Amino acid sequence: MTDLTDDITAVERSMRAVGAIRQVLHAVWALSRAQLPLVEQAASAAATYQSWVDGAADRVAGAPYASTAARTLTVVFGPERPYSSILARRIAEAIPDGDLGIVGQRLAETIGQSAETDRRVRFRCPGSVAHDDLHDVAFSVAKQILEHGRGAVVVVMHPLERSAELARVPLIAARGLVDRPPETFSPLARVVERAVVEAMTGRLAVAAAEALRAEIRARMEAADTARRACDERLVELEGALHLGRRETITRELLEIVAGGEAAALMTERSAP
């Protein structure tokens, strides 16, 4: 028969381990909750600026129209850090055919689990981890696109806020010519070039911001779910601990009673 004292010690050890895990999960949840408003503000600002840049590009270079090429490069933005595996799997399941560029370490790890999909990856880049590194990520991805996306239609794919759908937008749209281009202080060709470059990097920054926002929400949800599971496990362990202690006390009382009765019997037998 197993010693109840050993059982109680094992339960107490399990409770300490679960409690420590719960503390880590709570820290992950709290940090993500504190980070979310900053990322939401950055994402909103990036989208507003992108809209303004697109409008300026339309005025100087004409409205965009659909273009075709023999090859498509889809640049997919996803989660960078742990506690976001569900989001990474959802994005990986929606990846289209063709060449791929992957942004986000956690997403790259998920895609690496499929050899067929991983063979189509042309480059991998780190994703955003904070609201103030969006443009750094955008420039890093832009360099990879310039190297691997020549002669291809480049499409950006990223999560959408509070939606199971993924956004798919062309990175650089072909544009026609305006009938009466506006007067500019700099040569018009230079203005158009700068507008196109700004539109490209801005769109990449928006994708990085949306991916980071989705990642933080996914991390909060995963940490909260795991934290509730820890709470339920602690309740179970507390019940087992109380039961074990009651059984230990009952056994000790029985031993005391049995010992007293044995002593009384021995006394009776030894009496003349």
C-alpha atoms as a PDB file:
ATOM      1  CA  MET A   1       0.000   0.000   0.000  1.00  0.00           C
ATOM      2  CA  THR A   2       1.361   3.464  -0.947  1.00  0.00           C
ATOM      3  CA  ASP A   3       2.336   5.660   1.976  1.00  0.00           C
ATOM      4  CA  LEU A   4      -0.200   8.477   2.272  1.00  0.00           C
ATOM      5  CA  THR A   5       2.534  10.853   3.390  1.00  0.00           C
ATOM      6  CA  ASP A   6       4.330  10.305   0.083  1.00  0.00           C
ATOM      7  CA  ASP A   7       1.051  10.892  -1.792  1.00  0.00           C
ATOM      8  CA  ILE A   8       0.449  14.182   0.019  1.00  0.00           C
ATOM      9  CA  THR A   9       4.023  15.306  -0.683  1.00  0.00           C
ATOM     10  CA  ALA A  10       3.543  14.535  -4.388  1.00  0.00           C
ATOM     11  CA  VAL A  11       0.275  16.509  -4.483  1.00  0.00           C
ATOM     12  CA  GLU A  12       1.890  19.502  -2.767  1.00  0.00           C
ATOM     13  CA  ARG A  13       4.759  19.360  -5.257  1.00  0.00           C
ATOM     14  CA  SER A  14       2.277  19.316  -8.161  1.00  0.00           C
ATOM     15  CA  MET A  15       0.416  22.285  -6.679  1.00  0.00           C
ATOM     16  CA  ARG A  16       3.629  24.311  -6.485  1.00  0.00           C
ATOM     17  CA  ALA A  17       4.468  23.457 -10.106  1.00  0.00           C
ATOM     18  CA  VAL A  18       0.995  24.366 -11.394  1.00  0.00           C
ATOM     19  CA  GLY A  19       1.047  27.570  -9.349  1.00  0.00           C
ATOM     20  CA  ALA A  20       4.384  28.578 -10.885  1.00  0.00           C
ATOM     21  CA  ILE A  21       3.064  27.924 -14.398  1.00  0.00           C
ATOM     22  CA  ARG A  22      -0.015  29.987 -13.622  1.00  0.00           C
ATOM     23  CA  GLN A  23       2.156  32.916 -12.548  1.00  0.00           C
ATOM     24  CA  VAL A  24       4.046  32.794 -15.856  1.00  0.00           C
ATOM     25  CA  LEU A  25       0.802  32.669 -17.832  1.00  0.00           C
ATOM     26  CA  HIS A  26      -0.608  35.591 -15.888  1.00  0.00           C
ATOM     27  CA  ALA A  27       2.542  37.597 -16.629  1.00  0.00           C
ATOM     28  CA  VAL A  28       2.222  36.825 -20.351  1.00  0.00           C
ATOM     29  CA  TRP A  29      -1.437  37.877 -20.292  1.00  0.00           C
ATOM     30  CA  ALA A  30      -0.754  41.076 -18.329  1.00  0.00           C
ATOM     31  CA  LEU A  31       2.136  42.153 -20.559  1.00  0.00           C
ATOM     32  CA  SER A  32       0.087  41.518 -23.693  1.00  0.00           C
ATOM     33  CA  ARG A  33      -2.856  43.461 -22.292  1.00  0.00           C
ATOM     34  CA  ALA A  34      -0.571  46.413 -21.534  1.00  0.00           C
ATOM     35  CA  GLN A  35       0.965  46.261 -25.027  1.00  0.00           C
ATOM     36  CA  LEU A  36      -2.293  46.004 -26.964  1.00  0.00           C
ATOM     37  CA  PRO A  37      -3.431  49.684 -26.731  1.00  0.00           C
ATOM     38  CA  LEU A  38      -0.060  50.880 -28.041  1.00  0.00           C
ATOM     39  CA  VAL A  39      -0.187  48.465 -30.963  1.00  0.00           C
ATOM     40  CA  GLU A  40      -3.796  49.393 -31.742  1.00  0.00           C
ATOM     41  CA  GLN A  41      -2.852  53.060 -31.846  1.00  0.00           C
ATOM     42  CA  ALA A  42       0.148  52.339 -34.079  1.00  0.00           C
ATOM     43  CA  ALA A  43      -1.957  50.182 -36.418  1.00  0.00           C
ATOM     44  CA  SER A  44      -4.608  52.896 -36.714  1.00  0.00           C
ATOM     45  CA  ALA A  45      -1.986  55.558 -37.421  1.00  0.00           C
ATOM     46  CA  ALA A  46      -0.255  53.366 -40.020  1.00  0.00           C
ATOM     47  CA  ALA A  47      -3.544  52.685 -41.820  1.00  0.00           C
ATOM     48  CA  THR A  48      -4.469  56.383 -41.831  1.00  0.00           C
ATOM     49  CA  TYR A  49      -1.071  57.375 -43.200  1.00  0.00           C
ATOM     50  CA  GLN A  50      -1.249  54.626 -45.822  1.00  0.00           C
ATOM     51  CA  SER A  51      -4.606  55.931 -47.014  1.00  0.00           C
ATOM     52  CA  TRP A  52      -3.147  59.407 -47.345  1.00  0.00           C
ATOM     53  CA  VAL A  53      -0.097  58.108 -49.298  1.00  0.00           C
ATOM     54  CA  ASP A  54      -2.307  56.078 -51.647  1.00  0.00           C
ATOM     55  CA  GLY A  55      -4.386  59.173 -52.339  1.00  0.00           C
ATOM     56  CA  ALA A  56      -1.265  61.208 -53.108  1.00  0.00           C
ATOM     57  CA  ALA A  57       0.038  58.486 -55.429  1.00  0.00           C
ATOM     58  CA  ASP A  58      -3.303  58.437 -57.276  1.00  0.00           C
ATOM     59  CA  ARG A  59      -3.078  62.179 -57.862  1.00  0.00           C
ATOM     60  CA  VAL A  60       0.435  62.151 -59.294  1.00  0.00           C
ATOM     61  CA  ALA A  61       0.563  58.747 -61.025  1.00  0.00           C
ATOM     62  CA  GLY A  62      -3.008  57.773 -61.805  1.00  0.00           C
ATOM     63  CA  ALA A  63      -5.341  55.161 -60.369  1.00  0.00           C
ATOM     64  CA  PRO A  64      -3.990  51.611 -59.948  1.00  0.00           C
ATOM     65  CA  TYR A  65      -5.154  48.768 -62.147  1.00  0.00           C
ATOM     66  CA  ALA A  66      -4.700  44.994 -62.045  1.00  0.00           C
ATOM     67  CA  SER A  67      -1.478  43.633 -63.502  1.00  0.00           C
ATOM     68  CA  THR A  68      -0.405  40.112 -64.397  1.00  0.00           C
ATOM     69  CA  ALA A  69       2.922  38.306 -64.364  1.00  0.00           C
ATOM     70  CA  ALA A  70       4.139  34.784 -64.853  1.00  0.00           C
ATOM     71  CA  ARG A  71       5.039  34.493 -61.176  1.00  0.00           C
ATOM     72  CA  THR A  72       3.410  35.547 -57.903  1.00  0.00           C
ATOM     73  CA  LEU A  73       5.274  36.161 -54.660  1.00  0.00           C
ATOM     74  CA  THR A  74       2.994  36.185 -51.618  1.00  0.00           C
ATOM     75  CA  VAL A  75       4.526  37.855 -48.564  1.00  0.00           C
ATOM     76  CA  VAL A  76       2.754  36.419 -45.524  1.00  0.00           C
ATOM     77  CA  PHE A  77       2.844  38.226 -42.172  1.00  0.00           C
ATOM     78  CA  GLY A  78       2.245  36.162 -39.037  1.00  0.00           C
ATOM     79  CA  PRO A  79       3.167  35.817 -35.365  1.00  0.00           C
ATOM     80  CA  GLU A  80       6.718  36.227 -34.172  1.00  0.00           C
ATOM     81  CA  ARG A  81       6.642  34.917 -30.597  1.00  0.00           C
ATOM     82  CA  PRO A  82       5.224  31.955 -28.621  1.00  0.00           C
ATOM     83  CA  TYR A  83       1.657  31.579 -27.294  1.00  0.00           C
ATOM     84  CA  SER A  84       0.262  32.242 -30.778  1.00  0.00           C
ATOM     85  CA  SER A  85       0.386  28.805 -32.401  1.00  0.00           C
ATOM     86  CA  ILE A  86      -3.332  28.725 -33.219  1.00  0.00           C
ATOM     87  CA  LEU A  87      -3.025  31.953 -35.213  1.00  0.00           C
ATOM     88  CA  ALA A  88       0.067  30.622 -37.010  1.00  0.00           C
ATOM     89  CA  ARG A  89      -1.758  27.420 -38.007  1.00  0.00           C
ATOM     90  CA  ARG A  90      -4.783  29.373 -39.258  1.00  0.00           C
ATOM     91  CA  ILE A  91      -2.565  31.530 -41.465  1.00  0.00           C
ATOM     92  CA  ALA A  92      -0.581  28.527 -42.712  1.00  0.00           C
ATOM     93  CA  GLU A  93      -3.776  26.732 -43.758  1.00  0.00           C
ATOM     94  CA  ALA A  94      -4.809  29.717 -45.915  1.00  0.00           C
ATOM     95  CA  ILE A  95      -1.507  30.165 -47.762  1.00  0.00           C
ATOM     96  CA  PRO A  96      -1.991  30.114 -51.561  1.00  0.00           C
ATOM     97  CA  ASP A  97       0.111  28.446 -54.216  1.00  0.00           C
ATOM     98  CA  GLY A  98       3.240  30.078 -55.596  1.00  0.00           C
ATOM     99  CA  ASP A  99       6.406  31.521 -54.113  1.00  0.00           C
ATOM    100  CA  LEU A 100       6.308  32.705 -50.512  1.00  0.00           C
ATOM    101  CA  GLY A 101       8.000  35.199 -48.252  1.00  0.00           C
ATOM    102  CA  ILE A 102       7.408  34.539 -44.547  1.00  0.00           C
ATOM    103  CA  VAL A 103       7.474  37.259 -41.888  1.00  0.00           C
ATOM    104  CA  GLY A 104       7.369  36.013 -38.290  1.00  0.00           C
ATOM    105  CA  GLN A 105       9.432  33.349 -36.551  1.00  0.00           C
ATOM    106  CA  ARG A 106       6.459  31.460 -35.108  1.00  0.00           C
ATOM    107  CA  LEU A 107       4.766  31.386 -38.516  1.00  0.00           C
ATOM    108  CA  ALA A 108       8.003  30.189 -40.150  1.00  0.00           C
ATOM    109  CA  GLU A 109       8.229  27.327 -37.640  1.00  0.00           C
ATOM    110  CA  THR A 110       4.649  26.282 -38.384  1.00  0.00           C
ATOM    111  CA  ILE A 111       5.177  26.380 -42.149  1.00  0.00           C
ATOM    112  CA  GLY A 112       8.406  24.409 -41.729  1.00  0.00           C
ATOM    113  CA  GLN A 113       6.332  21.463 -40.537  1.00  0.00           C
ATOM    114  CA  SER A 114       5.082  20.996 -44.118  1.00  0.00           C
ATOM    115  CA  ALA A 115       7.956  20.102 -46.420  1.00  0.00           C
ATOM    116  CA  GLU A 116       5.870  20.827 -49.516  1.00  0.00           C
ATOM    117  CA  THR A 117       5.010  24.359 -48.407  1.00  0.00           C
ATOM    118  CA  ASP A 118       8.455  25.037 -46.964  1.00  0.00           C
ATOM    119  CA  ARG A 119      10.062  24.347 -50.364  1.00  0.00           C
ATOM    120  CA  ARG A 120       8.177  27.322 -51.806  1.00  0.00           C
ATOM    121  CA  VAL A 121       9.585  29.791 -49.251  1.00  0.00           C
ATOM    122  CA  ARG A 122      12.014  32.228 -50.878  1.00  0.00           C
ATOM    123  CA  PHE A 123      12.867  34.274 -47.778  1.00  0.00           C
ATOM    124  CA  ARG A 124      12.105  34.549 -44.056  1.00  0.00           C
ATOM    125  CA  CYS A 125      12.175  37.703 -41.941  1.00  0.00           C
ATOM    126  CA  PRO A 126      11.606  38.443 -38.256  1.00  0.00           C
ATOM    127  CA  GLY A 127       8.238  39.986 -37.482  1.00  0.00           C
ATOM    128  CA  SER A 128       7.355  42.910 -35.268  1.00  0.00           C
ATOM    129  CA  VAL A 129       7.535  42.576 -31.475  1.00  0.00           C
ATOM    130  CA  ALA A 130       6.564  46.132 -30.440  1.00  0.00           C
ATOM    131  CA  HIS A 131       4.591  49.105 -31.721  1.00  0.00           C
ATOM    132  CA  ASP A 132       7.737  51.127 -32.444  1.00  0.00           C
ATOM    133  CA  ASP A 133       9.548  48.686 -34.760  1.00  0.00           C
ATOM    134  CA  LEU A 134       6.948  48.460 -37.545  1.00  0.00           C
ATOM    135  CA  HIS A 135       8.892  50.531 -40.065  1.00  0.00           C
ATOM    136  CA  ASP A 136      12.142  48.685 -39.299  1.00  0.00           C
ATOM    137  CA  VAL A 137      10.352  45.432 -40.114  1.00  0.00           C
ATOM    138  CA  ALA A 138       8.862  47.013 -43.256  1.00  0.00           C
ATOM    139  CA  PHE A 139      12.290  48.073 -44.574  1.00  0.00           C
ATOM    140  CA  SER A 140      13.766  44.650 -43.768  1.00  0.00           C
ATOM    141  CA  VAL A 141      10.987  42.915 -45.702  1.00  0.00           C
ATOM    142  CA  ALA A 142      11.264  45.434 -48.567  1.00  0.00           C
ATOM    143  CA  LYS A 143      14.928  44.525 -49.049  1.00  0.00           C
ATOM    144  CA  GLN A 144      14.021  40.851 -49.351  1.00  0.00           C
ATOM    145  CA  ILE A 145      11.236  41.640 -51.824  1.00  0.00           C
ATOM    146  CA  LEU A 146      13.627  43.616 -54.005  1.00  0.00           C
ATOM    147  CA  GLU A 147      15.957  40.611 -54.048  1.00  0.00           C
ATOM    148  CA  HIS A 148      13.404  37.832 -54.571  1.00  0.00           C
ATOM    149  CA  GLY A 149      10.419  39.542 -56.161  1.00  0.00           C
ATOM    150  CA  ARG A 150      11.758  40.867 -59.452  1.00  0.00           C
ATOM    151  CA  GLY A 151       9.466  40.023 -62.340  1.00  0.00           C
ATOM    152  CA  ALA A 152       6.706  38.846 -60.007  1.00  0.00           C
ATOM    153  CA  VAL A 153       3.378  40.194 -58.839  1.00  0.00           C
ATOM    154  CA  VAL A 154       3.912  40.766 -55.123  1.00  0.00           C
ATOM    155  CA  VAL A 155       0.904  40.235 -52.846  1.00  0.00           C
ATOM    156  CA  VAL A 156       0.862  41.004 -49.130  1.00  0.00           C
ATOM    157  CA  MET A 157      -1.166  38.709 -46.876  1.00  0.00           C
ATOM    158  CA  HIS A 158      -1.848  39.416 -43.189  1.00  0.00           C
ATOM    159  CA  PRO A 159      -4.503  38.861 -40.479  1.00  0.00           C
ATOM    160  CA  LEU A 160      -7.382  41.276 -40.070  1.00  0.00           C
ATOM    161  CA  GLU A 161      -8.597  42.736 -36.790  1.00  0.00           C
ATOM    162  CA  ARG A 162     -11.231  40.513 -35.112  1.00  0.00           C
ATOM    163  CA  SER A 163     -11.761  38.478 -38.283  1.00  0.00           C
ATOM    164  CA  ALA A 164     -11.046  34.934 -39.366  1.00  0.00           C
ATOM    165  CA  GLU A 165     -10.331  36.219 -42.877  1.00  0.00           C
ATOM    166  CA  LEU A 166      -6.901  37.266 -44.128  1.00  0.00           C
ATOM    167  CA  ALA A 167      -6.227  40.415 -46.124  1.00  0.00           C
ATOM    168  CA  ARG A 168      -4.638  39.977 -49.562  1.00  0.00           C
ATOM    169  CA  VAL A 169      -3.520  43.197 -51.226  1.00  0.00           C
ATOM    170  CA  PRO A 170      -1.052  43.901 -54.056  1.00  0.00           C
ATOM    171  CA  LEU A 171       2.121  45.510 -52.789  1.00  0.00           C
ATOM    172  CA  ILE A 172       2.756  47.657 -55.848  1.00  0.00           C
ATOM    173  CA  ALA A 173      -0.137  48.213 -58.225  1.00  0.00           C
ATOM    174  CA  ALA A 174       0.402  49.207 -61.840  1.00  0.00           C
ATOM    175  CA  ARG A 175      -0.737  52.748 -62.544  1.00  0.00           C
ATOM    176  CA  GLY A 176      -1.788  54.673 -65.602  1.00  0.00           C
ATOM    177  CA  LEU A 177      -0.999  58.266 -66.429  1.00  0.00           C
ATOM    178  CA  VAL A 178      -3.057  61.234 -65.331  1.00  0.00           C
ATOM    179  CA  ASP A 179      -4.242  63.606 -68.063  1.00  0.00           C
ATOM    180  CA  ARG A 180      -3.104  66.674 -66.198  1.00  0.00           C
ATOM    181  CA  PRO A 181      -0.382  65.853 -63.676  1.00  0.00           C
ATOM    182  CA  PRO A 182      -0.129  68.307 -60.792  1.00  0.00           C
ATOM    183  CA  GLU A 183       2.628  70.873 -60.625  1.00  0.00           C
ATOM    184  CA  THR A 184       5.417  69.860 -58.277  1.00  0.00           C
ATOM    185  CA  PHE A 185       8.474  71.629 -56.927  1.00  0.00           C
ATOM    186  CA  SER A 186      10.614  68.568 -57.697  1.00  0.00           C
ATOM    187  CA  PRO A 187      10.585  66.738 -61.046  1.00  0.00           C
ATOM    188  CA  LEU A 188       7.367  64.752 -61.396  1.00  0.00           C
ATOM    189  CA  ALA A 189       9.220  61.475 -62.014  1.00  0.00           C
ATOM    190  CA  ARG A 190      11.038  61.859 -58.711  1.00  0.00           C
ATOM    191  CA  VAL A 191       7.811  62.655 -56.880  1.00  0.00           C
ATOM    192  CA  VAL A 192       6.121  59.577 -58.384  1.00  0.00           C
ATOM    193  CA  GLU A 193       9.079  57.384 -57.414  1.00  0.00           C
ATOM    194  CA  ARG A 194       9.006  58.628 -53.835  1.00  0.00           C
ATOM    195  CA  ALA A 195       5.234  58.199 -53.635  1.00  0.00           C
ATOM    196  CA  VAL A 196       5.470  54.600 -54.872  1.00  0.00           C
ATOM    197  CA  VAL A 197       8.301  53.760 -52.454  1.00  0.00           C
ATOM    198  CA  GLU A 198       6.399  55.354 -49.567  1.00  0.00           C
ATOM    199  CA  ALA A 199       3.246  53.473 -50.514  1.00  0.00           C
ATOM    200  CA  MET A 200       5.137  50.175 -50.615  1.00  0.00           C
ATOM    201  CA  THR A 201       6.879  50.566 -47.245  1.00  0.00           C
ATOM    202  CA  GLY A 202       3.696  51.960 -45.704  1.00  0.00           C
ATOM    203  CA  ARG A 203       1.684  48.941 -46.828  1.00  0.00           C
ATOM    204  CA  LEU A 204       4.310  46.628 -45.341  1.00  0.00           C
ATOM    205  CA  ALA A 205       4.183  48.586 -42.071  1.00  0.00           C
ATOM    206  CA  VAL A 206       0.392  48.230 -41.996  1.00  0.00           C
ATOM    207  CA  ALA A 207       0.728  44.473 -42.532  1.00  0.00           C
ATOM    208  CA  ALA A 208       3.285  44.249 -39.717  1.00  0.00           C
ATOM    209  CA  ALA A 209       0.999  46.222 -37.404  1.00  0.00           C
ATOM    210  CA  GLU A 210      -2.046  44.080 -38.176  1.00  0.00           C
ATOM    211  CA  ALA A 211      -0.044  40.878 -37.698  1.00  0.00           C
ATOM    212  CA  LEU A 212       1.280  42.124 -34.352  1.00  0.00           C
ATOM    213  CA  ARG A 213      -2.204  43.129 -33.199  1.00  0.00           C
ATOM    214  CA  ALA A 214      -3.584  39.696 -34.114  1.00  0.00           C
ATOM    215  CA  GLU A 215      -0.630  38.002 -32.413  1.00  0.00           C
ATOM    216  CA  ILE A 216      -1.149  39.900 -29.151  1.00  0.00           C
ATOM    217  CA  ARG A 217      -4.855  39.076 -29.115  1.00  0.00           C
ATOM    218  CA  ALA A 218      -4.075  35.415 -29.799  1.00  0.00           C
ATOM    219  CA  ARG A 219      -1.462  35.388 -27.035  1.00  0.00           C
ATOM    220  CA  MET A 220      -3.892  36.913 -24.548  1.00  0.00           C
ATOM    221  CA  GLU A 221      -6.556  34.357 -25.417  1.00  0.00           C
ATOM    222  CA  ALA A 222      -4.135  31.416 -25.209  1.00  0.00           C
ATOM    223  CA  ALA A 223      -2.673  32.588 -21.898  1.00  0.00           C
ATOM    224  CA  ASP A 224      -6.128  33.166 -20.429  1.00  0.00           C
ATOM    225  CA  THR A 225      -7.330  29.715 -21.505  1.00  0.00           C
ATOM    226  CA  ALA A 226      -4.252  28.047 -20.046  1.00  0.00           C
ATOM    227  CA  ARG A 227      -4.584  30.087 -16.866  1.00  0.00           C
ATOM    228  CA  ARG A 228      -8.163  28.867 -16.377  1.00  0.00           C
ATOM    229  CA  ALA A 229      -6.965  25.303 -16.924  1.00  0.00           C
ATOM    230  CA  CYS A 230      -4.379  25.834 -14.181  1.00  0.00           C
ATOM    231  CA  ASP A 231      -7.092  27.132 -11.852  1.00  0.00           C
ATOM    232  CA  GLU A 232      -9.194  24.028 -12.490  1.00  0.00           C
ATOM    233  CA  ARG A 233      -6.189  21.773 -11.902  1.00  0.00           C
ATOM    234  CA  LEU A 234      -5.382  23.566  -8.641  1.00  0.00           C
ATOM    235  CA  VAL A 235      -8.949  22.978  -7.439  1.00  0.00           C
ATOM    236  CA  GLU A 236      -8.589  19.266  -8.215  1.00  0.00           C
ATOM    237  CA  LEU A 237      -5.239  19.083  -6.433  1.00  0.00           C
ATOM    238  CA  GLU A 238      -6.580  20.938  -3.408  1.00  0.00           C
ATOM    239  CA  GLY A 239      -9.406  18.407  -3.182  1.00  0.00           C
ATOM    240  CA  ALA A 240      -6.927  15.541  -3.398  1.00  0.00           C
ATOM    241  CA  LEU A 241      -4.756  17.209  -0.762  1.00  0.00           C
ATOM    242  CA  HIS A 242      -7.638  17.644   1.682  1.00  0.00           C
ATOM    243  CA  LEU A 243      -8.750  14.042   1.098  1.00  0.00           C
ATOM    244  CA  GLY A 244      -5.230  12.763   1.661  1.00  0.00           C
ATOM    245  CA  ARG A 245      -4.872  14.743   4.868  1.00  0.00           C
ATOM    246  CA  ARG A 246      -8.214  13.444   6.175  1.00  0.00           C
ATOM    247  CA  GLU A 247      -7.158   9.884   5.413  1.00  0.00           C
ATOM    248  CA  THR A 248      -3.838  10.462   7.154  1.00  0.00           C
ATOM    249  CA  ILE A 249      -5.552  11.849  10.246  1.00  0.00           C
ATOM    250  CA  THR A 250      -8.061   8.973  10.244  1.00  0.00           C
ATOM    251  CA  ARG A 251      -5.271   6.422   9.975  1.00  0.00           C
ATOM    252  CA  GLU A 252      -3.303   8.071  12.783  1.00  0.00           C
ATOM    253  CA  LEU A 253      -6.403   8.092  15.018  1.00  0.00           C
ATOM    254  CA  LEU A 254      -7.031   4.442  14.255  1.00  0.00           C
ATOM    255  CA  GLU A 255      -3.437   3.639  15.098  1.00  0.00           C
ATOM    256  CA  ILE A 256      -3.737   5.544  18.387  1.00  0.00           C
ATOM    257  CA  VAL A 257      -6.973   3.769  19.282  1.00  0.00           C
ATOM    258  CA  ALA A 258      -5.591   0.389  18.265  1.00  0.00           C
ATOM    259  CA  GLY A 259      -2.433   1.059  20.243  1.00  0.00           C
ATOM    260  CA  GLY A 260      -4.452   2.017  23.325  1.00  0.00           C
ATOM    261  CA  GLU A 261      -6.593  -1.100  23.082  1.00  0.00           C
ATOM    262  CA  ALA A 262      -3.510  -3.283  22.648  1.00  0.00           C
ATOM    263  CA  ALA A 263      -1.893  -1.695  25.695  1.00  0.00           C
ATOM    264  CA  ALA A 264      -5.040  -2.256  27.769  1.00  0.00           C
ATOM    265  CA  LEU A 265      -5.193  -5.889  26.658  1.00  0.00           C
ATOM    266  CA  MET A 266      -1.576  -6.444  27.600  1.00  0.00           C
ATOM    267  CA  THR A 267      -2.213  -4.866  30.973  1.00  0.00           C
ATOM    268  CA  GLU A 268      -5.158  -7.164  31.593  1.00  0.00           C
ATOM    269  CA  ARG A 269      -3.152 -10.224  30.658  1.00  0.00           C
ATOM    270  CA  SER A 270      -0.255  -9.288  32.857  1.00  0.00           C
ATOM    271  CA  ALA A 271      -2.462  -8.652  35.895  1.00  0.00           C
ATOM    272  CA  PRO A 272      -2.300 -11.430  38.620  1.00  0.00           C
END
